Amino acid sequence: MNGLLQRILPREHGFFDLFAQQAENIRQGAEALLKMLLHYTGVPEQVQSIKAIEHEGDEIAHRLLTKLNQTFITPFDREDIHELCNRLDDVIDLIDAAASRFVLYRVDSIREGTPDLVRILVLATVEVAAAVKALGTPEKALKHCIEINRYENESDRLCRTLIAQLFDEEKDSVQIIKWKEIFEVIETAVDKCEDVANVIEGVIIKSA
């Protein structure tokens, strides 16, 4: 009966558009964070702009989950749709969390290497957006997933280097605590990009 229903009832393909919007929103958030670090003036206003991008991400996630609840036949497993939505949402949440800490911790100037770590995040989000848009063509999507994994490894190495330099150069223990957390939040955002890639790889394997 299920097979007959799947042949009769149309599949809802609007999910792909919403996922693409969600991934593009993440890329915009990462680029806004990098712009803030490179032009470190009017920081509270720039942080609010990133917060607005995060709110837009919440709205897209809400529309996705509402659509999931209202759709009978989905383009791939419901659990995977839910998981992909949540993992994408994690990325923009962490970008917002990283940005907010520059105001919360009253950061006066940017430590050397911080923009480089965020550049890796930007590159990872570009690959996330490309992988999501390529969901219909598995070979292309998998290539982007491989790149995301590579950027995660790169961000992990750079984060460790920056934290080591922080302990070597900074004598103020409060500054050490603040900057260590900032580095780790940014790096975790890249980790979450890898989580997105893992979900996409799982979807592709299941549909092969």
N, C-alpha and C. Protein backbone atom coordinates (compact mmCIF):
# COMPACT_ATOMS: atom_id res chain seq x y z
N MET A 1 0.83 -1.21 0.00
CA MET A 1 0.00 0.00 0.00
C MET A 1 0.86 1.26 0.00
N ASN A 2 1.95 1.23 0.80
CA ASN A 2 2.82 2.40 0.86
C ASN A 2 3.43 2.71 -0.50
N GLY A 3 3.86 1.68 -1.23
CA GLY A 3 4.43 1.88 -2.56
C GLY A 3 3.42 2.48 -3.51
N LEU A 4 2.17 2.01 -3.43
CA LEU A 4 1.10 2.55 -4.28
C LEU A 4 0.84 4.01 -3.95
N LEU A 5 0.81 4.34 -2.66
CA LEU A 5 0.58 5.72 -2.25
C LEU A 5 1.69 6.63 -2.75
N GLN A 6 2.92 6.16 -2.68
CA GLN A 6 4.05 6.97 -3.13
C GLN A 6 3.99 7.24 -4.63
N ARG A 7 3.39 6.29 -5.39
CA ARG A 7 3.27 6.51 -6.84
C ARG A 7 2.14 7.48 -7.15
N ILE A 8 1.09 7.44 -6.33
CA ILE A 8 -0.07 8.28 -6.59
C ILE A 8 0.12 9.71 -6.10
N LEU A 9 0.64 9.83 -4.87
CA LEU A 9 0.75 11.16 -4.26
C LEU A 9 2.04 11.84 -4.67
N PRO A 10 1.99 13.13 -4.96
CA PRO A 10 3.21 13.86 -5.37
C PRO A 10 4.15 14.08 -4.20
N ARG A 11 5.43 14.09 -4.48
CA ARG A 11 6.42 14.42 -3.46
C ARG A 11 6.52 15.93 -3.33
N GLU A 12 6.78 16.38 -2.13
CA GLU A 12 6.91 17.82 -1.87
C GLU A 12 8.37 18.21 -2.00
N HIS A 13 8.69 19.00 -3.02
CA HIS A 13 10.07 19.37 -3.27
C HIS A 13 10.44 20.75 -2.73
N GLY A 14 9.50 21.42 -2.08
CA GLY A 14 9.77 22.74 -1.53
C GLY A 14 10.81 22.73 -0.42
N PHE A 15 11.07 21.56 0.15
CA PHE A 15 12.09 21.44 1.19
C PHE A 15 13.45 21.90 0.69
N PHE A 16 13.77 21.55 -0.55
CA PHE A 16 15.08 21.89 -1.08
C PHE A 16 15.29 23.40 -1.14
N ASP A 17 14.24 24.13 -1.50
CA ASP A 17 14.34 25.59 -1.55
C ASP A 17 14.57 26.17 -0.16
N LEU A 18 13.87 25.63 0.82
CA LEU A 18 14.02 26.12 2.19
C LEU A 18 15.40 25.78 2.75
N PHE A 19 15.90 24.58 2.45
CA PHE A 19 17.25 24.23 2.89
C PHE A 19 18.29 25.15 2.25
N ALA A 20 18.08 25.46 0.96
CA ALA A 20 19.00 26.36 0.26
C ALA A 20 18.97 27.75 0.90
N GLN A 21 17.79 28.22 1.28
CA GLN A 21 17.68 29.52 1.96
C GLN A 21 18.39 29.49 3.31
N GLN A 22 18.21 28.39 4.02
CA GLN A 22 18.82 28.26 5.34
C GLN A 22 20.35 28.26 5.22
N ALA A 23 20.87 27.53 4.24
CA ALA A 23 22.32 27.45 4.05
C ALA A 23 22.89 28.80 3.59
N GLU A 24 22.16 29.48 2.72
CA GLU A 24 22.61 30.80 2.26
C GLU A 24 22.61 31.80 3.42
N ASN A 25 21.66 31.69 4.30
CA ASN A 25 21.59 32.56 5.47
C ASN A 25 22.81 32.36 6.37
N ILE A 26 23.23 31.11 6.50
CA ILE A 26 24.43 30.78 7.27
C ILE A 26 25.66 31.44 6.65
N ARG A 27 25.78 31.33 5.35
CA ARG A 27 26.92 31.95 4.65
C ARG A 27 26.94 33.45 4.89
N GLN A 28 25.79 34.08 4.81
CA GLN A 28 25.71 35.53 5.05
C GLN A 28 26.13 35.87 6.47
N GLY A 29 25.73 35.05 7.42
CA GLY A 29 26.11 35.28 8.81
C GLY A 29 27.61 35.19 9.01
N ALA A 30 28.24 34.18 8.42
CA ALA A 30 29.70 34.01 8.54
C ALA A 30 30.43 35.18 7.89
N GLU A 31 29.95 35.62 6.73
CA GLU A 31 30.59 36.74 6.05
C GLU A 31 30.42 38.04 6.85
N ALA A 32 29.27 38.20 7.50
CA ALA A 32 29.05 39.38 8.34
C ALA A 32 29.99 39.37 9.55
N LEU A 33 30.24 38.19 10.11
CA LEU A 33 31.18 38.08 11.23
C LEU A 33 32.59 38.45 10.79
N LEU A 34 33.01 37.97 9.63
CA LEU A 34 34.34 38.31 9.11
C LEU A 34 34.44 39.81 8.84
N LYS A 35 33.41 40.37 8.24
CA LYS A 35 33.40 41.81 7.97
C LYS A 35 33.55 42.60 9.26
N MET A 36 32.87 42.16 10.31
CA MET A 36 32.96 42.84 11.61
C MET A 36 34.40 42.84 12.13
N LEU A 37 35.07 41.71 12.00
CA LEU A 37 36.44 41.61 12.51
C LEU A 37 37.41 42.45 11.69
N LEU A 38 37.16 42.55 10.39
CA LEU A 38 38.05 43.31 9.50
C LEU A 38 37.80 44.81 9.59
N HIS A 39 36.59 45.18 9.99
CA HIS A 39 36.21 46.60 10.14
C HIS A 39 35.63 46.76 11.54
N TYR A 40 36.52 46.74 12.54
CA TYR A 40 36.09 46.63 13.93
C TYR A 40 35.70 47.99 14.52
N THR A 41 34.63 48.55 13.97
CA THR A 41 34.03 49.78 14.50
C THR A 41 32.51 49.59 14.49
N GLY A 42 31.83 50.34 15.35
CA GLY A 42 30.38 50.17 15.44
C GLY A 42 30.01 48.73 15.70
N VAL A 43 30.75 48.11 16.61
CA VAL A 43 30.62 46.66 16.83
C VAL A 43 29.22 46.26 17.32
N PRO A 44 28.63 46.97 18.29
CA PRO A 44 27.29 46.55 18.73
C PRO A 44 26.27 46.54 17.59
N GLU A 45 26.38 47.51 16.69
CA GLU A 45 25.46 47.56 15.54
C GLU A 45 25.70 46.38 14.60
N GLN A 46 26.97 46.05 14.38
CA GLN A 46 27.28 44.91 13.52
C GLN A 46 26.81 43.60 14.15
N VAL A 47 26.95 43.51 15.46
CA VAL A 47 26.48 42.31 16.16
C VAL A 47 24.96 42.18 16.03
N GLN A 48 24.26 43.31 16.09
CA GLN A 48 22.81 43.27 15.93
C GLN A 48 22.42 42.82 14.52
N SER A 49 23.22 43.21 13.53
CA SER A 49 22.96 42.76 12.16
C SER A 49 23.10 41.25 12.05
N ILE A 50 24.10 40.71 12.73
CA ILE A 50 24.29 39.26 12.73
C ILE A 50 23.16 38.57 13.48
N LYS A 51 22.71 39.21 14.58
CA LYS A 51 21.57 38.68 15.33
C LYS A 51 20.32 38.61 14.44
N ALA A 52 20.14 39.63 13.58
CA ALA A 52 18.99 39.64 12.67
C ALA A 52 19.08 38.48 11.67
N ILE A 53 20.30 38.17 11.22
CA ILE A 53 20.50 37.03 10.32
C ILE A 53 20.16 35.73 11.05
N GLU A 54 20.55 35.66 12.32
CA GLU A 54 20.22 34.46 13.12
C GLU A 54 18.72 34.32 13.29
N HIS A 55 18.02 35.44 13.51
CA HIS A 55 16.56 35.39 13.63
C HIS A 55 15.92 34.92 12.33
N GLU A 56 16.47 35.37 11.21
CA GLU A 56 15.97 34.91 9.91
C GLU A 56 16.17 33.40 9.78
N GLY A 57 17.30 32.91 10.28
CA GLY A 57 17.54 31.47 10.27
C GLY A 57 16.51 30.71 11.08
N ASP A 58 16.13 31.28 12.23
CA ASP A 58 15.09 30.66 13.06
C ASP A 58 13.76 30.60 12.31
N GLU A 59 13.45 31.67 11.58
CA GLU A 59 12.20 31.72 10.81
C GLU A 59 12.19 30.64 9.72
N ILE A 60 13.31 30.50 9.03
CA ILE A 60 13.40 29.50 7.96
C ILE A 60 13.27 28.10 8.56
N ALA A 61 13.95 27.87 9.68
CA ALA A 61 13.87 26.57 10.36
C ALA A 61 12.43 26.27 10.77
N HIS A 62 11.74 27.29 11.27
CA HIS A 62 10.34 27.12 11.67
C HIS A 62 9.47 26.74 10.46
N ARG A 63 9.71 27.41 9.32
CA ARG A 63 8.93 27.09 8.12
C ARG A 63 9.23 25.67 7.65
N LEU A 64 10.48 25.26 7.77
CA LEU A 64 10.85 23.90 7.38
C LEU A 64 10.13 22.86 8.24
N LEU A 65 10.17 23.05 9.54
CA LEU A 65 9.56 22.07 10.44
C LEU A 65 8.04 22.07 10.32
N THR A 66 7.46 23.24 10.07
CA THR A 66 6.01 23.30 9.84
C THR A 66 5.65 22.53 8.58
N LYS A 67 6.45 22.73 7.54
CA LYS A 67 6.22 22.02 6.28
C LYS A 67 6.37 20.51 6.48
N LEU A 68 7.34 20.12 7.28
CA LEU A 68 7.55 18.70 7.55
C LEU A 68 6.32 18.09 8.23
N ASN A 69 5.75 18.82 9.17
CA ASN A 69 4.57 18.32 9.88
C ASN A 69 3.33 18.24 9.00
N GLN A 70 3.31 19.03 7.93
CA GLN A 70 2.13 19.11 7.08
C GLN A 70 2.26 18.29 5.79
N THR A 71 3.42 17.67 5.58
CA THR A 71 3.68 16.97 4.33
C THR A 71 3.61 15.46 4.53
N PHE A 72 2.87 14.80 3.63
CA PHE A 72 2.68 13.35 3.75
C PHE A 72 3.88 12.58 3.19
N ILE A 73 4.30 12.93 1.99
CA ILE A 73 5.45 12.25 1.37
C ILE A 73 6.58 13.26 1.20
N THR A 74 7.71 13.00 1.82
CA THR A 74 8.86 13.90 1.80
C THR A 74 9.92 13.39 0.82
N PRO A 75 10.81 14.29 0.33
CA PRO A 75 11.82 13.87 -0.64
C PRO A 75 12.85 12.90 -0.09
N PHE A 76 13.09 12.92 1.22
CA PHE A 76 13.90 11.89 1.89
C PHE A 76 13.38 11.74 3.32
N ASP A 77 14.00 10.86 4.10
CA ASP A 77 13.46 10.48 5.41
C ASP A 77 13.14 11.69 6.27
N ARG A 78 12.03 11.64 6.94
CA ARG A 78 11.60 12.73 7.81
C ARG A 78 12.64 13.02 8.89
N GLU A 79 13.21 11.95 9.45
CA GLU A 79 14.21 12.13 10.50
C GLU A 79 15.42 12.89 9.98
N ASP A 80 15.80 12.61 8.74
CA ASP A 80 16.96 13.29 8.15
C ASP A 80 16.65 14.76 7.84
N ILE A 81 15.43 15.03 7.42
CA ILE A 81 15.01 16.42 7.19
C ILE A 81 15.09 17.20 8.50
N HIS A 82 14.57 16.60 9.54
CA HIS A 82 14.60 17.25 10.86
C HIS A 82 16.04 17.46 11.32
N GLU A 83 16.87 16.44 11.14
CA GLU A 83 18.27 16.52 11.57
C GLU A 83 19.04 17.57 10.77
N LEU A 84 18.84 17.61 9.47
CA LEU A 84 19.55 18.58 8.63
C LEU A 84 19.14 20.00 9.00
N CYS A 85 17.86 20.20 9.24
CA CYS A 85 17.36 21.51 9.66
C CYS A 85 18.02 21.94 10.97
N ASN A 86 18.09 21.04 11.92
CA ASN A 86 18.67 21.38 13.22
C ASN A 86 20.17 21.65 13.15
N ARG A 87 20.88 20.85 12.34
CA ARG A 87 22.32 21.04 12.26
C ARG A 87 22.66 22.36 11.55
N LEU A 88 21.88 22.72 10.53
CA LEU A 88 22.07 24.02 9.88
C LEU A 88 21.80 25.15 10.86
N ASP A 89 20.77 24.98 11.67
CA ASP A 89 20.42 25.99 12.66
C ASP A 89 21.53 26.14 13.70
N ASP A 90 22.18 25.02 14.04
CA ASP A 90 23.30 25.07 14.99
C ASP A 90 24.41 26.00 14.51
N VAL A 91 24.68 25.96 13.21
CA VAL A 91 25.79 26.76 12.67
C VAL A 91 25.53 28.24 12.86
N ILE A 92 24.35 28.71 12.46
CA ILE A 92 24.06 30.14 12.57
C ILE A 92 23.94 30.56 14.03
N ASP A 93 23.47 29.66 14.89
CA ASP A 93 23.40 29.97 16.33
C ASP A 93 24.80 30.23 16.88
N LEU A 94 25.77 29.44 16.45
CA LEU A 94 27.13 29.59 16.95
C LEU A 94 27.82 30.82 16.35
N ILE A 95 27.50 31.14 15.11
CA ILE A 95 28.03 32.37 14.52
C ILE A 95 27.54 33.58 15.32
N ASP A 96 26.27 33.57 15.64
CA ASP A 96 25.68 34.63 16.47
C ASP A 96 26.32 34.64 17.85
N ALA A 97 26.53 33.48 18.43
CA ALA A 97 27.14 33.39 19.76
C ALA A 97 28.56 33.95 19.75
N ALA A 98 29.31 33.65 18.69
CA ALA A 98 30.68 34.18 18.58
C ALA A 98 30.65 35.70 18.48
N ALA A 99 29.79 36.23 17.62
CA ALA A 99 29.69 37.68 17.44
C ALA A 99 29.32 38.37 18.75
N SER A 100 28.35 37.81 19.45
CA SER A 100 27.85 38.42 20.69
C SER A 100 28.94 38.53 21.75
N ARG A 101 29.87 37.60 21.75
CA ARG A 101 30.91 37.61 22.78
C ARG A 101 31.85 38.81 22.65
N PHE A 102 31.98 39.37 21.46
CA PHE A 102 32.85 40.54 21.30
C PHE A 102 32.26 41.76 22.02
N VAL A 103 30.94 41.81 22.13
CA VAL A 103 30.29 42.87 22.90
C VAL A 103 30.25 42.48 24.38
N LEU A 104 29.85 41.25 24.65
CA LEU A 104 29.72 40.78 26.03
C LEU A 104 31.04 40.90 26.79
N TYR A 105 32.15 40.57 26.12
CA TYR A 105 33.46 40.60 26.75
C TYR A 105 34.19 41.93 26.56
N ARG A 106 33.51 42.90 25.94
CA ARG A 106 34.08 44.24 25.73
C ARG A 106 35.46 44.15 25.07
N VAL A 107 35.52 43.42 23.97
CA VAL A 107 36.79 43.25 23.25
C VAL A 107 37.14 44.55 22.53
N ASP A 108 38.30 45.12 22.88
CA ASP A 108 38.72 46.40 22.30
C ASP A 108 39.40 46.24 20.95
N SER A 109 40.18 45.19 20.80
CA SER A 109 40.91 44.96 19.55
C SER A 109 40.99 43.48 19.27
N ILE A 110 41.17 43.16 18.00
CA ILE A 110 41.14 41.76 17.55
C ILE A 110 42.53 41.15 17.60
N ARG A 111 42.62 40.00 18.20
CA ARG A 111 43.90 39.29 18.22
C ARG A 111 44.27 38.79 16.83
N GLU A 112 45.55 38.84 16.54
CA GLU A 112 46.05 38.35 15.25
C GLU A 112 45.67 36.88 15.07
N GLY A 113 45.21 36.55 13.89
CA GLY A 113 44.83 35.18 13.57
C GLY A 113 43.34 34.92 13.67
N THR A 114 42.63 35.79 14.40
CA THR A 114 41.18 35.58 14.55
C THR A 114 40.44 35.67 13.21
N PRO A 115 40.74 36.70 12.38
CA PRO A 115 40.07 36.73 11.07
C PRO A 115 40.39 35.50 10.21
N ASP A 116 41.60 34.95 10.36
CA ASP A 116 41.96 33.75 9.58
C ASP A 116 41.08 32.57 9.97
N LEU A 117 40.78 32.45 11.26
CA LEU A 117 39.91 31.37 11.71
C LEU A 117 38.50 31.56 11.15
N VAL A 118 38.02 32.81 11.14
CA VAL A 118 36.68 33.08 10.61
C VAL A 118 36.65 32.91 9.09
N ARG A 119 37.77 33.19 8.42
CA ARG A 119 37.82 32.95 6.96
C ARG A 119 37.59 31.48 6.65
N ILE A 120 38.14 30.60 7.48
CA ILE A 120 37.91 29.16 7.29
C ILE A 120 36.43 28.85 7.49
N LEU A 121 35.83 29.48 8.49
CA LEU A 121 34.39 29.31 8.73
C LEU A 121 33.59 29.76 7.51
N VAL A 122 33.95 30.90 6.95
CA VAL A 122 33.26 31.40 5.75
C VAL A 122 33.37 30.38 4.62
N LEU A 123 34.58 29.88 4.39
CA LEU A 123 34.79 28.90 3.31
C LEU A 123 33.97 27.63 3.56
N ALA A 124 33.90 27.21 4.81
CA ALA A 124 33.10 26.02 5.14
C ALA A 124 31.62 26.27 4.87
N THR A 125 31.13 27.47 5.18
CA THR A 125 29.71 27.77 4.95
C THR A 125 29.40 27.89 3.45
N VAL A 126 30.38 28.34 2.68
CA VAL A 126 30.21 28.37 1.22
C VAL A 126 30.02 26.95 0.70
N GLU A 127 30.82 26.02 1.23
CA GLU A 127 30.70 24.62 0.82
C GLU A 127 29.40 24.00 1.33
N VAL A 128 28.96 24.40 2.51
CA VAL A 128 27.67 23.92 3.02
C VAL A 128 26.55 24.34 2.07
N ALA A 129 26.55 25.62 1.69
CA ALA A 129 25.52 26.12 0.77
C ALA A 129 25.56 25.35 -0.55
N ALA A 130 26.75 25.10 -1.05
CA ALA A 130 26.89 24.38 -2.31
C ALA A 130 26.44 22.93 -2.18
N ALA A 131 26.76 22.29 -1.05
CA ALA A 131 26.37 20.89 -0.83
C ALA A 131 24.85 20.77 -0.73
N VAL A 132 24.23 21.71 -0.03
CA VAL A 132 22.77 21.69 0.12
C VAL A 132 22.09 21.88 -1.24
N LYS A 133 22.61 22.81 -2.03
CA LYS A 133 22.03 23.07 -3.35
C LYS A 133 22.23 21.89 -4.30
N ALA A 134 23.25 21.07 -4.01
CA ALA A 134 23.56 19.92 -4.88
C ALA A 134 22.95 18.62 -4.37
N LEU A 135 22.01 18.71 -3.44
CA LEU A 135 21.41 17.49 -2.88
C LEU A 135 20.83 16.59 -3.95
N GLY A 136 20.35 17.17 -5.04
CA GLY A 136 19.77 16.37 -6.12
C GLY A 136 20.80 15.68 -6.99
N THR A 137 22.07 16.07 -6.86
CA THR A 137 23.15 15.46 -7.64
C THR A 137 24.22 14.96 -6.66
N PRO A 138 24.07 13.73 -6.19
CA PRO A 138 24.90 13.20 -5.10
C PRO A 138 26.41 13.37 -5.28
N GLU A 139 26.93 13.14 -6.50
CA GLU A 139 28.38 13.23 -6.69
C GLU A 139 28.90 14.62 -6.37
N LYS A 140 28.16 15.64 -6.82
CA LYS A 140 28.57 17.02 -6.53
C LYS A 140 28.47 17.31 -5.05
N ALA A 141 27.39 16.89 -4.44
CA ALA A 141 27.19 17.14 -3.00
C ALA A 141 28.32 16.51 -2.19
N LEU A 142 28.71 15.29 -2.54
CA LEU A 142 29.77 14.60 -1.80
C LEU A 142 31.11 15.32 -1.91
N LYS A 143 31.39 15.90 -3.07
CA LYS A 143 32.63 16.66 -3.24
C LYS A 143 32.66 17.86 -2.29
N HIS A 144 31.53 18.51 -2.16
CA HIS A 144 31.46 19.65 -1.24
C HIS A 144 31.58 19.18 0.21
N CYS A 145 31.04 18.02 0.52
CA CYS A 145 31.16 17.47 1.88
C CYS A 145 32.62 17.18 2.22
N ILE A 146 33.37 16.67 1.25
CA ILE A 146 34.80 16.42 1.46
C ILE A 146 35.53 17.72 1.78
N GLU A 147 35.18 18.79 1.07
CA GLU A 147 35.80 20.09 1.32
C GLU A 147 35.44 20.60 2.72
N ILE A 148 34.20 20.39 3.13
CA ILE A 148 33.80 20.80 4.48
C ILE A 148 34.64 20.08 5.53
N ASN A 149 34.85 18.79 5.34
CA ASN A 149 35.68 18.01 6.27
C ASN A 149 37.11 18.55 6.31
N ARG A 150 37.61 18.94 5.15
CA ARG A 150 38.97 19.49 5.08
C ARG A 150 39.06 20.80 5.84
N TYR A 151 38.06 21.65 5.68
CA TYR A 151 38.06 22.93 6.40
C TYR A 151 37.93 22.73 7.90
N GLU A 152 37.18 21.69 8.31
CA GLU A 152 37.05 21.42 9.74
C GLU A 152 38.40 21.05 10.33
N ASN A 153 39.15 20.22 9.61
CA ASN A 153 40.50 19.85 10.08
C ASN A 153 41.41 21.07 10.15
N GLU A 154 41.29 21.93 9.14
CA GLU A 154 42.11 23.14 9.08
C GLU A 154 41.77 24.08 10.25
N SER A 155 40.49 24.24 10.53
CA SER A 155 40.08 25.13 11.62
C SER A 155 40.52 24.58 12.97
N ASP A 156 40.48 23.26 13.11
CA ASP A 156 40.91 22.63 14.35
C ASP A 156 42.38 22.89 14.61
N ARG A 157 43.20 22.75 13.56
CA ARG A 157 44.64 23.00 13.70
C ARG A 157 44.91 24.46 14.05
N LEU A 158 44.24 25.38 13.33
CA LEU A 158 44.47 26.81 13.57
C LEU A 158 43.99 27.20 14.96
N CYS A 159 42.86 26.67 15.40
CA CYS A 159 42.34 26.98 16.73
C CYS A 159 43.34 26.56 17.80
N ARG A 160 43.91 25.37 17.67
CA ARG A 160 44.90 24.91 18.64
C ARG A 160 46.12 25.82 18.65
N THR A 161 46.55 26.25 17.46
CA THR A 161 47.70 27.16 17.35
C THR A 161 47.42 28.49 18.02
N LEU A 162 46.23 29.04 17.77
CA LEU A 162 45.86 30.34 18.35
C LEU A 162 45.77 30.27 19.87
N ILE A 163 45.25 29.16 20.38
CA ILE A 163 45.15 29.01 21.84
C ILE A 163 46.54 28.85 22.46
N ALA A 164 47.42 28.12 21.77
CA ALA A 164 48.79 27.98 22.26
C ALA A 164 49.49 29.34 22.30
N GLN A 165 49.32 30.14 21.25
CA GLN A 165 49.90 31.48 21.21
C GLN A 165 49.31 32.36 22.31
N LEU A 166 48.03 32.20 22.55
CA LEU A 166 47.35 32.97 23.59
C LEU A 166 47.99 32.73 24.95
N PHE A 167 48.25 31.46 25.27
CA PHE A 167 48.87 31.13 26.55
C PHE A 167 50.32 31.61 26.62
N ASP A 168 50.99 31.63 25.48
CA ASP A 168 52.38 32.08 25.46
C ASP A 168 52.50 33.60 25.61
N GLU A 169 51.56 34.33 24.99
CA GLU A 169 51.71 35.78 24.86
C GLU A 169 50.91 36.59 25.88
N GLU A 170 49.78 36.07 26.32
CA GLU A 170 48.88 36.85 27.17
C GLU A 170 49.14 36.54 28.65
N LYS A 171 49.33 37.61 29.44
CA LYS A 171 49.59 37.44 30.87
C LYS A 171 48.33 37.61 31.72
N ASP A 172 47.32 38.25 31.14
CA ASP A 172 46.07 38.51 31.86
C ASP A 172 45.17 37.27 31.77
N SER A 173 44.92 36.64 32.91
CA SER A 173 44.16 35.39 32.90
C SER A 173 42.73 35.60 32.41
N VAL A 174 42.15 36.78 32.69
CA VAL A 174 40.79 37.06 32.22
C VAL A 174 40.76 37.12 30.70
N GLN A 175 41.76 37.76 30.10
CA GLN A 175 41.84 37.81 28.64
C GLN A 175 42.02 36.42 28.04
N ILE A 176 42.79 35.60 28.70
CA ILE A 176 42.98 34.22 28.24
C ILE A 176 41.65 33.48 28.20
N ILE A 177 40.88 33.62 29.28
CA ILE A 177 39.58 32.94 29.35
C ILE A 177 38.66 33.43 28.23
N LYS A 178 38.61 34.75 28.05
CA LYS A 178 37.73 35.34 27.04
C LYS A 178 38.10 34.86 25.64
N TRP A 179 39.38 34.99 25.29
CA TRP A 179 39.78 34.68 23.92
C TRP A 179 39.76 33.18 23.63
N LYS A 180 40.08 32.38 24.63
CA LYS A 180 40.01 30.92 24.43
C LYS A 180 38.58 30.52 24.08
N GLU A 181 37.61 31.11 24.78
CA GLU A 181 36.22 30.79 24.49
C GLU A 181 35.80 31.28 23.11
N ILE A 182 36.22 32.48 22.73
CA ILE A 182 35.89 33.01 21.41
C ILE A 182 36.42 32.08 20.32
N PHE A 183 37.69 31.69 20.44
CA PHE A 183 38.28 30.79 19.45
C PHE A 183 37.50 29.48 19.38
N GLU A 184 37.15 28.94 20.53
CA GLU A 184 36.48 27.64 20.56
C GLU A 184 35.06 27.71 20.01
N VAL A 185 34.37 28.82 20.23
CA VAL A 185 33.01 28.96 19.67
C VAL A 185 33.08 29.02 18.14
N ILE A 186 34.04 29.79 17.62
CA ILE A 186 34.19 29.88 16.16
C ILE A 186 34.53 28.51 15.58
N GLU A 187 35.45 27.81 16.24
CA GLU A 187 35.85 26.49 15.74
C GLU A 187 34.70 25.50 15.82
N THR A 188 33.88 25.60 16.85
CA THR A 188 32.72 24.72 16.99
C THR A 188 31.71 24.98 15.87
N ALA A 189 31.61 26.23 15.41
CA ALA A 189 30.72 26.53 14.28
C ALA A 189 31.18 25.77 13.04
N VAL A 190 32.50 25.66 12.85
CA VAL A 190 33.01 24.88 11.72
C VAL A 190 32.74 23.40 11.95
N ASP A 191 32.86 22.94 13.20
CA ASP A 191 32.51 21.55 13.53
C ASP A 191 31.07 21.25 13.11
N LYS A 192 30.18 22.20 13.38
CA LYS A 192 28.77 22.00 13.04
C LYS A 192 28.55 21.96 11.53
N CYS A 193 29.40 22.65 10.79
CA CYS A 193 29.35 22.53 9.32
C CYS A 193 29.65 21.09 8.91
N GLU A 194 30.61 20.48 9.62
CA GLU A 194 30.92 19.07 9.34
C GLU A 194 29.74 18.17 9.71
N ASP A 195 29.03 18.51 10.76
CA ASP A 195 27.82 17.75 11.12
C ASP A 195 26.79 17.81 9.99
N VAL A 196 26.66 18.99 9.37
CA VAL A 196 25.76 19.13 8.21
C VAL A 196 26.21 18.19 7.11
N ALA A 197 27.51 18.19 6.84
CA ALA A 197 28.05 17.31 5.79
C ALA A 197 27.76 15.85 6.09
N ASN A 198 27.88 15.47 7.35
CA ASN A 198 27.62 14.08 7.73
C ASN A 198 26.16 13.68 7.49
N VAL A 199 25.24 14.61 7.77
CA VAL A 199 23.82 14.32 7.51
C VAL A 199 23.59 14.17 6.01
N ILE A 200 24.18 15.06 5.23
CA ILE A 200 24.01 15.00 3.77
C ILE A 200 24.57 13.69 3.23
N GLU A 201 25.74 13.30 3.72
CA GLU A 201 26.33 12.02 3.28
C GLU A 201 25.41 10.85 3.62
N GLY A 202 24.81 10.91 4.81
CA GLY A 202 23.88 9.85 5.21
C GLY A 202 22.65 9.78 4.31
N VAL A 203 22.11 10.94 3.95
CA VAL A 203 20.97 10.99 3.04
C VAL A 203 21.32 10.38 1.69
N ILE A 204 22.51 10.71 1.20
CA ILE A 204 22.94 10.20 -0.10
C ILE A 204 23.12 8.69 -0.07
N ILE A 205 23.71 8.18 1.00
CA ILE A 205 23.91 6.73 1.14
C ILE A 205 22.58 5.99 1.16
N LYS A 206 21.62 6.54 1.90
CA LYS A 206 20.30 5.90 2.01
C LYS A 206 19.56 5.88 0.67
N SER A 207 19.77 6.91 -0.15
CA SER A 207 19.04 7.02 -1.40
C SER A 207 19.77 6.37 -2.57
N ALA A 208 20.97 5.83 -2.31
CA ALA A 208 21.77 5.23 -3.39
C ALA A 208 21.12 3.93 -3.89
